[in-house]
């Protein structure tokens, strides 16, 4: 029930956000994907777009759940952002995505800041590894880290 409530709240986010505003020119599109599920973990990624007047907004939002407790795990509580993580991300992004302004236009410090912010950090599990990245003013970028255990926070 807790998980379904979190997913419902996320699906209704824009309805709540624009509840009192004039929304005649509002278009919202979302795509939700279960990216990973085992006995202990559920990862969901939500690709969000909205268009309102002249404003276009898009990002990738992720929800990770501990299935043993039904608890939503905050992305910033899962990963320890370090210079090593940022460098591993940049290296994998270049390998996986090629040249992208989403990485090359930001300093390592700016990338670390994106990853330390719950609103911009993208983090979800896949069968291949941990997908990590960030939302930035012009979109989002991710890369898959196959070896990621050294970056997880110790609980």
N, C-alpha and C. Protein backbone atom coordinates (compact mmCIF):
# COMPACT_ATOMS: atom_id res chain seq x y z
N UNK A 1 0.81 -1.19 0.00
CA UNK A 1 0.00 0.00 0.00
C UNK A 1 0.86 1.27 0.00
N UNK A 2 1.96 1.23 0.79
CA UNK A 2 2.85 2.40 0.83
C UNK A 2 3.44 2.70 -0.55
N UNK A 3 3.87 1.65 -1.23
CA UNK A 3 4.49 1.81 -2.55
C UNK A 3 3.47 2.35 -3.54
N UNK A 4 2.28 1.78 -3.55
CA UNK A 4 1.24 2.26 -4.46
C UNK A 4 0.88 3.71 -4.17
N UNK A 5 0.86 4.10 -2.91
CA UNK A 5 0.57 5.49 -2.54
C UNK A 5 1.66 6.43 -3.07
N UNK A 6 2.92 6.04 -2.94
CA UNK A 6 4.03 6.86 -3.47
C UNK A 6 3.92 7.00 -4.98
N UNK A 7 3.64 5.90 -5.67
CA UNK A 7 3.52 5.94 -7.13
C UNK A 7 2.33 6.82 -7.55
N UNK A 8 1.22 6.73 -6.83
CA UNK A 8 0.05 7.55 -7.13
C UNK A 8 0.37 9.03 -6.91
N UNK A 9 1.02 9.35 -5.79
CA UNK A 9 1.38 10.75 -5.52
C UNK A 9 2.26 11.30 -6.63
N UNK A 10 3.19 10.49 -7.11
CA UNK A 10 4.06 10.93 -8.20
C UNK A 10 3.25 11.15 -9.46
N UNK A 11 2.34 10.24 -9.77
CA UNK A 11 1.53 10.37 -10.98
C UNK A 11 0.64 11.61 -10.92
N UNK A 12 0.24 12.00 -9.74
CA UNK A 12 -0.66 13.15 -9.57
C UNK A 12 0.10 14.45 -9.30
N UNK A 13 1.41 14.41 -9.33
CA UNK A 13 2.23 15.58 -8.99
C UNK A 13 1.80 16.84 -9.75
N UNK A 14 1.69 16.75 -11.06
CA UNK A 14 1.37 17.93 -11.85
C UNK A 14 -0.06 18.39 -11.61
N UNK A 15 -0.96 17.48 -11.36
CA UNK A 15 -2.34 17.87 -11.03
C UNK A 15 -2.36 18.71 -9.75
N UNK A 16 -1.57 18.29 -8.76
CA UNK A 16 -1.47 19.05 -7.52
C UNK A 16 -0.75 20.38 -7.75
N UNK A 17 0.32 20.35 -8.52
CA UNK A 17 1.15 21.53 -8.75
C UNK A 17 0.37 22.66 -9.45
N UNK A 18 -0.45 22.30 -10.44
CA UNK A 18 -1.15 23.30 -11.24
C UNK A 18 -2.61 23.44 -10.85
N UNK A 19 -2.97 22.89 -9.72
CA UNK A 19 -4.36 22.85 -9.29
C UNK A 19 -5.07 24.20 -9.36
N UNK A 20 -4.41 25.25 -8.90
CA UNK A 20 -5.08 26.55 -8.84
C UNK A 20 -4.74 27.46 -10.03
N UNK A 21 -3.88 27.02 -10.91
CA UNK A 21 -3.47 27.85 -12.04
C UNK A 21 -4.34 27.57 -13.27
N UNK A 22 -4.34 28.51 -14.17
CA UNK A 22 -5.01 28.33 -15.45
C UNK A 22 -4.18 27.34 -16.27
N UNK A 23 -4.75 26.21 -16.58
CA UNK A 23 -3.98 25.15 -17.24
C UNK A 23 -4.49 24.86 -18.65
N UNK A 24 -5.15 25.82 -19.26
CA UNK A 24 -5.66 25.57 -20.62
C UNK A 24 -4.53 25.25 -21.59
N UNK A 25 -3.36 25.84 -21.39
CA UNK A 25 -2.24 25.62 -22.30
C UNK A 25 -1.22 24.63 -21.76
N UNK A 26 -1.63 23.80 -20.82
CA UNK A 26 -0.73 22.83 -20.20
C UNK A 26 -0.86 21.47 -20.86
N UNK A 27 0.29 20.90 -21.22
CA UNK A 27 0.34 19.52 -21.70
C UNK A 27 1.34 18.78 -20.84
N UNK A 28 0.93 17.63 -20.34
CA UNK A 28 1.80 16.81 -19.50
C UNK A 28 1.89 15.42 -20.11
N UNK A 29 3.10 14.92 -20.22
CA UNK A 29 3.33 13.56 -20.69
C UNK A 29 4.26 12.87 -19.71
N UNK A 30 3.93 11.66 -19.31
CA UNK A 30 4.82 10.88 -18.46
C UNK A 30 4.86 9.45 -18.98
N UNK A 31 6.01 8.85 -18.86
CA UNK A 31 6.20 7.44 -19.16
C UNK A 31 6.88 6.83 -17.94
N UNK A 32 6.33 5.75 -17.44
CA UNK A 32 6.86 5.11 -16.25
C UNK A 32 7.33 3.71 -16.59
N UNK A 33 8.53 3.36 -16.09
CA UNK A 33 9.12 2.06 -16.38
C UNK A 33 9.62 1.42 -15.09
N UNK A 34 9.31 0.16 -14.90
CA UNK A 34 9.97 -0.61 -13.84
C UNK A 34 11.29 -1.05 -14.45
N UNK A 35 12.39 -0.58 -13.87
CA UNK A 35 13.71 -0.87 -14.43
C UNK A 35 14.37 -2.06 -13.75
N UNK A 36 13.91 -2.39 -12.53
CA UNK A 36 14.50 -3.50 -11.80
C UNK A 36 13.57 -3.91 -10.68
N UNK A 37 13.52 -5.23 -10.44
CA UNK A 37 12.77 -5.72 -9.29
C UNK A 37 13.31 -7.09 -8.91
N UNK A 38 13.63 -7.24 -7.64
CA UNK A 38 13.94 -8.54 -7.07
C UNK A 38 13.20 -8.63 -5.74
N UNK A 39 13.59 -9.54 -4.88
CA UNK A 39 12.88 -9.74 -3.62
C UNK A 39 13.05 -8.56 -2.66
N UNK A 40 14.11 -7.77 -2.85
CA UNK A 40 14.41 -6.70 -1.90
C UNK A 40 14.24 -5.29 -2.46
N UNK A 41 14.35 -5.12 -3.78
CA UNK A 41 14.42 -3.79 -4.37
C UNK A 41 13.49 -3.66 -5.57
N UNK A 42 12.84 -2.50 -5.65
CA UNK A 42 12.05 -2.12 -6.82
C UNK A 42 12.55 -0.75 -7.26
N UNK A 43 12.90 -0.62 -8.54
CA UNK A 43 13.29 0.66 -9.11
C UNK A 43 12.33 1.04 -10.22
N UNK A 44 11.89 2.28 -10.18
CA UNK A 44 10.96 2.82 -11.17
C UNK A 44 11.54 4.13 -11.69
N UNK A 45 11.54 4.29 -13.00
CA UNK A 45 11.99 5.53 -13.63
C UNK A 45 10.80 6.16 -14.34
N UNK A 46 10.65 7.47 -14.17
CA UNK A 46 9.54 8.20 -14.76
C UNK A 46 10.12 9.31 -15.63
N UNK A 47 9.84 9.24 -16.91
CA UNK A 47 10.27 10.26 -17.86
C UNK A 47 9.13 11.28 -17.94
N UNK A 48 9.41 12.52 -17.55
CA UNK A 48 8.37 13.54 -17.44
C UNK A 48 8.62 14.70 -18.40
N UNK A 49 7.54 15.15 -19.02
CA UNK A 49 7.57 16.32 -19.89
C UNK A 49 6.35 17.17 -19.56
N UNK A 50 6.51 18.47 -19.51
CA UNK A 50 5.33 19.32 -19.55
C UNK A 50 5.62 20.56 -20.37
N UNK A 51 4.61 21.02 -21.04
CA UNK A 51 4.67 22.20 -21.87
C UNK A 51 3.58 23.14 -21.36
N UNK A 52 3.97 24.36 -21.04
CA UNK A 52 3.01 25.33 -20.53
C UNK A 52 3.37 26.70 -21.07
N UNK A 53 2.49 27.26 -21.86
CA UNK A 53 2.78 28.50 -22.57
C UNK A 53 4.07 28.31 -23.36
N UNK A 54 5.10 29.06 -23.02
CA UNK A 54 6.39 28.95 -23.73
C UNK A 54 7.38 28.07 -22.98
N UNK A 55 7.01 27.59 -21.83
CA UNK A 55 7.94 26.82 -20.98
C UNK A 55 7.88 25.33 -21.32
N UNK A 56 9.05 24.74 -21.49
CA UNK A 56 9.16 23.30 -21.71
C UNK A 56 10.04 22.75 -20.59
N UNK A 57 9.56 21.73 -19.94
CA UNK A 57 10.29 21.15 -18.81
C UNK A 57 10.31 19.65 -18.99
N UNK A 58 11.47 19.05 -18.80
CA UNK A 58 11.56 17.60 -18.86
C UNK A 58 12.67 17.12 -17.95
N UNK A 59 12.41 15.99 -17.34
CA UNK A 59 13.43 15.37 -16.51
C UNK A 59 13.13 13.89 -16.35
N UNK A 60 14.05 13.21 -15.74
CA UNK A 60 13.89 11.80 -15.42
C UNK A 60 13.88 11.70 -13.91
N UNK A 61 12.81 11.20 -13.38
CA UNK A 61 12.63 11.08 -11.94
C UNK A 61 12.63 9.60 -11.58
N UNK A 62 13.26 9.25 -10.49
CA UNK A 62 13.39 7.84 -10.12
C UNK A 62 12.89 7.60 -8.70
N UNK A 63 12.33 6.43 -8.51
CA UNK A 63 11.88 6.01 -7.20
C UNK A 63 12.42 4.61 -6.95
N UNK A 64 13.10 4.45 -5.82
CA UNK A 64 13.64 3.16 -5.42
C UNK A 64 12.99 2.77 -4.09
N UNK A 65 12.55 1.53 -4.01
CA UNK A 65 11.84 1.07 -2.83
C UNK A 65 12.55 -0.13 -2.21
N UNK A 66 12.56 -0.16 -0.89
CA UNK A 66 12.98 -1.33 -0.14
C UNK A 66 11.72 -2.19 0.01
N UNK A 67 11.67 -3.33 -0.67
CA UNK A 67 10.47 -4.15 -0.66
C UNK A 67 10.25 -4.89 0.65
N UNK A 68 11.28 -5.01 1.47
CA UNK A 68 11.09 -5.68 2.76
C UNK A 68 10.33 -4.80 3.73
N UNK A 69 10.44 -3.46 3.56
CA UNK A 69 9.75 -2.53 4.45
C UNK A 69 8.69 -1.70 3.73
N UNK A 70 8.73 -1.67 2.40
CA UNK A 70 7.82 -0.82 1.63
C UNK A 70 8.23 0.63 1.64
N UNK A 71 9.46 0.90 2.03
CA UNK A 71 9.95 2.26 2.20
C UNK A 71 10.52 2.82 0.90
N UNK A 72 10.17 4.09 0.62
CA UNK A 72 10.80 4.81 -0.47
C UNK A 72 12.18 5.23 -0.02
N UNK A 73 13.20 4.90 -0.82
CA UNK A 73 14.58 5.24 -0.50
C UNK A 73 14.95 6.51 -1.26
N UNK A 74 15.41 7.50 -0.56
CA UNK A 74 15.86 8.72 -1.23
C UNK A 74 17.17 8.43 -1.94
N UNK A 75 17.27 8.90 -3.17
CA UNK A 75 18.45 8.62 -3.98
C UNK A 75 19.73 9.09 -3.31
N UNK A 76 19.67 10.24 -2.65
CA UNK A 76 20.87 10.78 -2.00
C UNK A 76 21.26 9.96 -0.77
N UNK A 77 20.37 9.11 -0.28
CA UNK A 77 20.71 8.22 0.83
C UNK A 77 21.33 6.92 0.36
N UNK A 78 21.31 6.66 -0.94
CA UNK A 78 21.82 5.40 -1.49
C UNK A 78 23.29 5.54 -1.88
N UNK A 79 23.65 6.66 -2.45
CA UNK A 79 24.97 6.82 -3.07
C UNK A 79 25.80 7.86 -2.33
N UNK A 80 27.09 7.59 -2.24
CA UNK A 80 28.05 8.55 -1.67
C UNK A 80 28.75 9.25 -2.83
N UNK A 81 28.49 10.52 -2.99
CA UNK A 81 29.09 11.27 -4.10
C UNK A 81 30.52 11.64 -3.72
N UNK A 82 31.43 11.21 -4.55
CA UNK A 82 32.86 11.46 -4.34
C UNK A 82 33.50 11.81 -5.67
N UNK A 83 34.75 12.26 -5.61
CA UNK A 83 35.49 12.53 -6.84
C UNK A 83 35.59 11.26 -7.69
N UNK A 84 35.76 10.12 -7.04
CA UNK A 84 35.88 8.85 -7.75
C UNK A 84 34.59 8.51 -8.49
N UNK A 85 33.45 8.74 -7.84
CA UNK A 85 32.16 8.49 -8.50
C UNK A 85 31.98 9.42 -9.70
N UNK A 86 32.25 10.69 -9.52
CA UNK A 86 32.09 11.66 -10.61
C UNK A 86 32.99 11.27 -11.78
N UNK A 87 34.23 10.91 -11.51
CA UNK A 87 35.14 10.49 -12.58
C UNK A 87 34.68 9.22 -13.26
N UNK A 88 34.19 8.24 -12.49
CA UNK A 88 33.68 7.00 -13.07
C UNK A 88 32.46 7.30 -13.95
N UNK A 89 31.60 8.18 -13.47
CA UNK A 89 30.42 8.57 -14.26
C UNK A 89 30.84 9.23 -15.57
N UNK A 90 31.73 10.20 -15.51
CA UNK A 90 32.17 10.92 -16.72
C UNK A 90 32.79 9.93 -17.71
N UNK A 91 33.66 9.08 -17.23
CA UNK A 91 34.31 8.10 -18.10
C UNK A 91 33.29 7.17 -18.76
N UNK A 92 32.34 6.67 -17.97
CA UNK A 92 31.33 5.76 -18.53
C UNK A 92 30.38 6.49 -19.47
N UNK A 93 30.05 7.73 -19.15
CA UNK A 93 29.17 8.50 -20.03
C UNK A 93 29.81 8.72 -21.39
N UNK A 94 31.09 9.06 -21.39
CA UNK A 94 31.80 9.25 -22.67
C UNK A 94 31.82 7.94 -23.46
N UNK A 95 32.08 6.83 -22.78
CA UNK A 95 32.10 5.52 -23.44
C UNK A 95 30.71 5.16 -23.97
N UNK A 96 29.70 5.36 -23.14
CA UNK A 96 28.35 4.91 -23.45
C UNK A 96 27.59 5.88 -24.35
N UNK A 97 27.74 7.18 -24.09
CA UNK A 97 26.93 8.18 -24.79
C UNK A 97 27.70 8.98 -25.83
N UNK A 98 29.02 8.86 -25.84
CA UNK A 98 29.82 9.69 -26.73
C UNK A 98 29.87 11.12 -26.20
N UNK A 99 30.23 12.04 -27.06
CA UNK A 99 30.27 13.44 -26.66
C UNK A 99 28.86 13.92 -26.38
N UNK A 100 28.67 14.55 -25.26
CA UNK A 100 27.39 15.17 -24.95
C UNK A 100 27.64 16.43 -24.14
N UNK A 101 26.98 17.50 -24.53
CA UNK A 101 27.12 18.75 -23.78
C UNK A 101 26.63 18.59 -22.35
N UNK A 102 25.76 17.62 -22.11
CA UNK A 102 25.22 17.37 -20.78
C UNK A 102 26.31 17.04 -19.77
N UNK A 103 27.45 16.57 -20.27
CA UNK A 103 28.60 16.27 -19.41
C UNK A 103 29.72 17.26 -19.66
N UNK A 104 30.05 17.50 -20.91
CA UNK A 104 31.23 18.32 -21.24
C UNK A 104 31.06 19.80 -20.86
N UNK A 105 29.84 20.28 -20.78
CA UNK A 105 29.63 21.69 -20.45
C UNK A 105 29.65 21.98 -18.96
N UNK A 106 29.81 20.94 -18.14
CA UNK A 106 29.81 21.12 -16.69
C UNK A 106 31.14 20.66 -16.10
N UNK A 107 31.58 21.38 -15.08
CA UNK A 107 32.81 20.99 -14.38
C UNK A 107 32.52 19.77 -13.50
N UNK A 108 33.57 19.12 -13.04
CA UNK A 108 33.40 17.99 -12.12
C UNK A 108 32.68 18.44 -10.86
N UNK A 109 32.96 19.64 -10.39
CA UNK A 109 32.30 20.17 -9.19
C UNK A 109 30.80 20.38 -9.44
N UNK A 110 30.45 20.89 -10.61
CA UNK A 110 29.03 21.09 -10.93
C UNK A 110 28.31 19.75 -11.05
N UNK A 111 28.95 18.77 -11.65
CA UNK A 111 28.36 17.44 -11.75
C UNK A 111 28.15 16.85 -10.36
N UNK A 112 29.13 16.99 -9.48
CA UNK A 112 29.00 16.51 -8.10
C UNK A 112 27.83 17.21 -7.41
N UNK A 113 27.67 18.52 -7.64
CA UNK A 113 26.56 19.25 -7.04
C UNK A 113 25.22 18.72 -7.53
N UNK A 114 25.11 18.44 -8.83
CA UNK A 114 23.88 17.84 -9.37
C UNK A 114 23.59 16.52 -8.67
N UNK A 115 24.63 15.72 -8.47
CA UNK A 115 24.45 14.40 -7.87
C UNK A 115 24.17 14.44 -6.37
N UNK A 116 24.50 15.52 -5.72
CA UNK A 116 24.21 15.66 -4.29
C UNK A 116 22.81 16.20 -4.03
N UNK A 117 22.14 16.66 -5.07
CA UNK A 117 20.82 17.25 -4.94
C UNK A 117 19.75 16.21 -5.27
N UNK A 118 18.89 15.93 -4.32
CA UNK A 118 17.84 14.92 -4.50
C UNK A 118 16.97 15.21 -5.72
N UNK A 119 16.72 16.48 -6.02
CA UNK A 119 15.86 16.83 -7.15
C UNK A 119 16.52 16.58 -8.50
N UNK A 120 17.84 16.65 -8.55
CA UNK A 120 18.50 16.47 -9.84
C UNK A 120 19.15 15.10 -10.00
N UNK A 121 19.45 14.41 -8.90
CA UNK A 121 20.10 13.10 -8.99
C UNK A 121 19.18 12.06 -9.62
N UNK A 122 19.69 11.36 -10.59
CA UNK A 122 19.01 10.21 -11.20
C UNK A 122 19.75 8.97 -10.74
N UNK A 123 19.02 8.03 -10.17
CA UNK A 123 19.64 6.80 -9.68
C UNK A 123 18.59 5.70 -9.66
N UNK A 124 18.83 4.66 -10.45
CA UNK A 124 17.94 3.50 -10.41
C UNK A 124 18.72 2.25 -10.82
N UNK A 125 18.24 1.14 -10.31
CA UNK A 125 18.87 -0.14 -10.60
C UNK A 125 18.33 -0.72 -11.90
N UNK A 126 19.22 -1.44 -12.60
CA UNK A 126 18.84 -2.19 -13.80
C UNK A 126 19.49 -3.57 -13.68
N UNK A 127 19.11 -4.52 -14.52
CA UNK A 127 19.78 -5.83 -14.49
C UNK A 127 21.28 -5.74 -14.81
N UNK A 128 21.70 -4.68 -15.48
CA UNK A 128 23.11 -4.52 -15.88
C UNK A 128 23.93 -3.87 -14.77
N UNK A 129 23.32 -2.97 -13.99
CA UNK A 129 24.05 -2.25 -12.95
C UNK A 129 23.23 -1.09 -12.44
N UNK A 130 23.93 -0.09 -11.95
CA UNK A 130 23.29 1.10 -11.41
C UNK A 130 23.33 2.21 -12.45
N UNK A 131 22.16 2.70 -12.81
CA UNK A 131 22.07 3.83 -13.74
C UNK A 131 22.14 5.09 -12.89
N UNK A 132 23.09 5.94 -13.20
CA UNK A 132 23.27 7.15 -12.41
C UNK A 132 23.47 8.33 -13.35
N UNK A 133 23.00 9.48 -12.92
CA UNK A 133 23.14 10.68 -13.72
C UNK A 133 22.46 11.84 -13.03
N UNK A 134 22.05 12.82 -13.83
CA UNK A 134 21.45 14.01 -13.24
C UNK A 134 20.59 14.74 -14.26
N UNK A 135 19.62 15.43 -13.72
CA UNK A 135 18.83 16.39 -14.48
C UNK A 135 19.58 17.71 -14.45
N UNK A 136 19.60 18.40 -15.57
CA UNK A 136 20.24 19.71 -15.65
C UNK A 136 19.28 20.64 -16.38
N UNK A 137 19.58 21.91 -16.47
CA UNK A 137 18.61 22.86 -17.04
C UNK A 137 18.10 22.52 -18.44
N UNK A 138 18.85 21.78 -19.23
CA UNK A 138 18.43 21.47 -20.60
C UNK A 138 18.06 20.01 -20.82
N UNK A 139 17.87 19.25 -19.76
CA UNK A 139 17.51 17.84 -19.94
C UNK A 139 18.13 16.96 -18.87
N UNK A 140 18.54 15.78 -19.28
CA UNK A 140 19.15 14.86 -18.33
C UNK A 140 20.14 13.94 -19.06
N UNK A 141 21.00 13.31 -18.26
CA UNK A 141 21.98 12.38 -18.79
C UNK A 141 22.22 11.28 -17.76
N UNK A 142 22.41 10.06 -18.23
CA UNK A 142 22.74 8.94 -17.34
C UNK A 142 23.80 8.06 -17.98
N UNK A 143 24.42 7.25 -17.15
CA UNK A 143 25.36 6.22 -17.60
C UNK A 143 25.22 5.03 -16.65
N UNK A 144 25.52 3.85 -17.15
CA UNK A 144 25.36 2.62 -16.37
C UNK A 144 26.69 2.21 -15.75
N UNK A 145 26.73 2.18 -14.42
CA UNK A 145 27.92 1.70 -13.72
C UNK A 145 27.69 0.24 -13.36
N UNK A 146 28.49 -0.63 -13.96
CA UNK A 146 28.37 -2.06 -13.66
C UNK A 146 28.98 -2.38 -12.30
N UNK A 147 30.08 -1.73 -11.99
CA UNK A 147 30.74 -1.91 -10.69
C UNK A 147 30.45 -0.65 -9.87
N UNK A 148 29.54 -0.76 -8.94
CA UNK A 148 29.11 0.43 -8.21
C UNK A 148 29.10 0.27 -6.69
N UNK A 149 29.35 -0.92 -6.20
CA UNK A 149 29.20 -1.17 -4.75
C UNK A 149 30.08 -0.24 -3.90
N UNK A 150 31.25 0.17 -4.41
CA UNK A 150 32.13 1.05 -3.65
C UNK A 150 31.54 2.45 -3.47
N UNK A 151 30.50 2.79 -4.24
CA UNK A 151 29.90 4.12 -4.15
C UNK A 151 28.64 4.15 -3.28
N UNK A 152 28.17 2.98 -2.86
CA UNK A 152 26.98 2.93 -2.02
C UNK A 152 27.29 3.39 -0.61
N UNK A 153 26.36 4.10 -0.01
CA UNK A 153 26.53 4.52 1.37
C UNK A 153 26.45 3.30 2.26
N UNK A 154 27.25 3.28 3.27
CA UNK A 154 27.24 2.19 4.24
C UNK A 154 26.12 2.43 5.24
N UNK A 155 25.29 1.45 5.40
CA UNK A 155 24.14 1.61 6.33
C UNK A 155 24.44 0.91 7.64
